[in-house]
Protein backbone atom coordinates (compact mmCIF):
# COMPACT_ATOMS: atom_id res chain seq x y z
CA MET A 1 -47.00 -3.87 -18.45
CA GLY A 2 -45.44 -0.20 -18.15
CA ARG A 3 -42.39 1.20 -20.05
CA LEU A 4 -39.60 2.27 -18.10
CA ARG A 5 -37.48 5.40 -19.11
CA MET A 6 -33.68 5.13 -19.06
CA GLU A 7 -31.22 7.78 -19.77
CA VAL A 8 -28.12 7.07 -21.64
CA GLU A 9 -24.91 9.08 -21.40
CA ASP A 10 -25.08 10.36 -24.87
CA GLY A 11 -28.31 12.35 -24.34
CA TYR A 12 -30.62 9.66 -25.95
CA GLU A 13 -33.46 8.11 -24.14
CA LEU A 14 -33.99 4.58 -23.96
CA PHE A 15 -37.47 3.02 -23.41
CA GLU A 16 -37.92 -0.56 -22.17
CA GLU A 17 -41.04 -2.75 -21.72
CA GLY A 18 -41.06 -4.02 -17.89
CA CYS A 19 -43.07 -4.63 -14.67
CA MET A 20 -44.00 -1.70 -12.65
CA THR A 21 -45.71 -1.50 -9.16
CA PRO A 22 -48.97 0.44 -9.45
CA LYS A 23 -48.78 3.90 -7.90
CA ASN A 24 -52.67 4.97 -7.91
CA GLN A 25 -54.45 5.51 -4.61
CA GLU A 26 -56.75 2.94 -5.50
CA CYS A 27 -54.34 0.05 -5.77
CA GLN A 28 -52.82 0.83 -2.41
CA ILE A 29 -53.82 -1.34 0.61
CA PRO A 30 -55.43 1.34 3.12
CA ALA A 31 -53.41 1.86 6.46
CA ALA A 32 -55.06 -0.05 9.58
CA LEU A 33 -56.79 2.58 11.80
CA GLU A 34 -56.93 0.33 14.88
CA CYS A 35 -55.20 -2.94 15.93
CA PRO A 36 -57.29 -5.84 16.08
CA PRO A 37 -58.05 -7.63 19.31
CA ALA A 38 -55.63 -10.00 20.96
CA PRO A 39 -56.73 -13.51 20.73
CA VAL A 40 -58.90 -15.14 23.55
CA LYS A 41 -57.98 -18.38 25.05
CA LYS A 42 -60.91 -20.72 25.58
CA ARG A 43 -62.22 -21.23 29.02
CA VAL A 44 -61.34 -24.52 30.63
CA SER A 45 -64.53 -26.60 31.84
CA GLU A 46 -64.27 -26.56 35.60
CA LYS A 47 -67.45 -28.97 35.88
CA LYS A 48 -66.38 -32.95 36.11
CA ARG A 49 -68.35 -34.90 33.51
CA ASP A 50 -70.48 -37.34 35.05
CA PRO A 51 -69.92 -40.94 33.83
CA PRO A 52 -72.31 -42.47 31.43
CA LYS A 53 -76.09 -43.57 32.57
CA LYS A 54 -75.72 -46.88 30.81
CA GLY A 55 -72.25 -47.47 31.80
CA TYR A 56 -68.97 -47.90 29.99
CA PHE A 57 -68.76 -50.25 27.17
CA GLN A 58 -66.84 -53.57 28.07
CA PRO A 59 -66.45 -55.98 25.47
CA PRO A 60 -66.82 -59.80 26.86
CA GLU A 61 -63.16 -60.80 25.50
CA LEU A 62 -61.21 -57.65 26.59
CA GLU A 63 -58.92 -59.54 28.89
CA SER A 64 -57.93 -62.45 26.13
CA ILE A 65 -56.82 -59.58 23.43
CA PHE A 66 -54.31 -58.36 26.22
CA ALA A 67 -53.39 -61.50 27.66
CA MET A 68 -49.60 -62.39 28.35
CA THR A 69 -48.84 -65.41 25.81
CA SER A 70 -46.76 -68.10 27.15
CA GLY A 71 -43.38 -67.27 25.77
CA ARG A 72 -41.99 -66.24 22.33
CA LYS A 73 -40.66 -68.54 19.68
CA ALA A 74 -38.25 -67.58 16.94
CA TRP A 75 -39.15 -68.98 13.71
CA ALA A 76 -36.16 -70.38 11.87
């Protein structure tokens, strides 16, 4: 913390403790010399992927999981 000097109308100087921004050259953020490059988008893969050599996984009871039930009943 630094000391802040404030002048009063009567000619007296008043010192108060407070926070101050450092003005030293070593404390300053250096100015950027040039702008960074623009971001680059990833290239879209144009090659279509081949299907798996062993085929797609098909569980034996897949149809039974998604089968429609015969009507819904309300529980009363």
